[in-house]
């Protein structure tokens, strides 16, 4: 099953940009998923179990920095095929 996940990450620190960039770079290091980033969120596309395993690992690593908030939207379809959006 294909999935699409929209992720918003909010490190609750004065220096919030470096942890966000680090999280995105770590996601981009996984060739088995597709990522797209804009000014408001990052979208991840791929096989459900691969995406969720990668997100579990990378979110857990980000939680090493105390007081980090993640908001996820998950859909059971690959919305990456809709380049122009829905």
Protein backbone atom coordinates (compact mmCIF):
# COMPACT_ATOMS: atom_id res chain seq x y z
CA UNK A 1 0.00 0.00 0.00
CA UNK A 2 1.25 3.45 -0.89
CA UNK A 3 1.04 6.33 1.58
CA UNK A 4 1.60 10.07 1.74
CA UNK A 5 2.51 11.84 4.96
CA UNK A 6 2.60 15.58 5.55
CA UNK A 7 4.91 16.52 8.42
CA UNK A 8 5.23 19.74 10.38
CA UNK A 9 8.06 19.83 12.91
CA UNK A 10 8.25 22.41 15.70
CA UNK A 11 11.35 22.27 17.90
CA UNK A 12 10.43 24.45 20.87
CA UNK A 13 13.80 26.21 21.09
CA UNK A 14 15.26 29.56 20.12
CA UNK A 15 17.47 27.86 17.53
CA UNK A 16 14.72 25.91 15.73
CA UNK A 17 15.98 25.96 12.12
CA UNK A 18 19.03 23.64 12.51
CA UNK A 19 16.98 20.72 13.94
CA UNK A 20 14.41 21.09 11.14
CA UNK A 21 17.11 21.09 8.46
CA UNK A 22 18.76 18.08 10.09
CA UNK A 23 15.45 16.15 10.11
CA UNK A 24 14.83 16.92 6.43
CA UNK A 25 18.40 15.92 5.48
CA UNK A 26 17.99 12.61 7.31
CA UNK A 27 14.73 11.94 5.44
CA UNK A 28 16.40 12.76 2.14
CA UNK A 29 19.11 10.17 2.90
CA UNK A 30 16.54 7.37 2.42
CA UNK A 31 16.34 6.61 -1.32
CA UNK A 32 13.35 4.29 -0.85
CA UNK A 33 11.05 7.25 -0.13
CA UNK A 34 10.33 10.48 -2.00
CA UNK A 35 10.36 13.76 -0.07
CA UNK A 36 9.17 17.23 -1.00
CA UNK A 37 9.71 20.24 1.21
CA UNK A 38 8.15 23.70 1.17
CA UNK A 39 8.03 26.60 3.60
CA UNK A 40 5.30 25.04 5.73
CA UNK A 41 5.85 21.28 5.74
CA UNK A 42 7.58 18.25 4.33
CA UNK A 43 5.73 15.57 2.41
CA UNK A 44 6.92 11.97 2.29
CA UNK A 45 5.68 9.40 -0.24
CA UNK A 46 6.28 5.68 -0.56
CA UNK A 47 5.35 2.22 0.66
CA UNK A 48 3.39 2.48 3.92
CA UNK A 49 5.64 0.26 6.03
CA UNK A 50 8.87 1.78 4.69
CA UNK A 51 7.62 5.32 5.28
CA UNK A 52 6.36 4.58 8.79
CA UNK A 53 9.56 2.72 9.78
CA UNK A 54 11.72 5.59 8.54
CA UNK A 55 9.54 8.20 10.26
CA UNK A 56 9.61 6.24 13.52
CA UNK A 57 13.40 6.12 13.43
CA UNK A 58 13.94 9.75 12.41
CA UNK A 59 11.32 11.23 14.74
CA UNK A 60 12.81 9.23 17.61
CA UNK A 61 16.24 10.70 16.79
CA UNK A 62 14.73 14.21 16.75
CA UNK A 63 13.20 13.57 20.18
CA UNK A 64 16.72 13.50 21.58
CA UNK A 65 16.25 17.28 21.56
CA UNK A 66 13.73 17.92 24.35
CA UNK A 67 10.40 19.56 23.63
CA UNK A 68 9.93 18.78 19.97
CA UNK A 69 6.46 18.68 18.42
CA UNK A 70 5.53 16.76 15.25
CA UNK A 71 2.20 17.01 13.46
CA UNK A 72 1.51 14.31 10.86
CA UNK A 73 -1.24 13.88 8.31
CA UNK A 74 -1.33 10.38 6.79
CA UNK A 75 -3.33 9.23 3.76
CA UNK A 76 -3.47 5.78 2.21
CA UNK A 77 -2.62 6.97 -1.32
CA UNK A 78 0.44 8.24 -3.16
CA UNK A 79 -0.45 11.89 -3.71
CA UNK A 80 2.93 12.46 -5.33
CA UNK A 81 1.38 11.21 -8.58
CA UNK A 82 -0.76 14.36 -8.57
CA UNK A 83 2.01 16.85 -9.35
CA UNK A 84 -0.48 19.72 -9.62
CA UNK A 85 -2.29 18.77 -6.43
CA UNK A 86 -5.79 17.42 -6.01
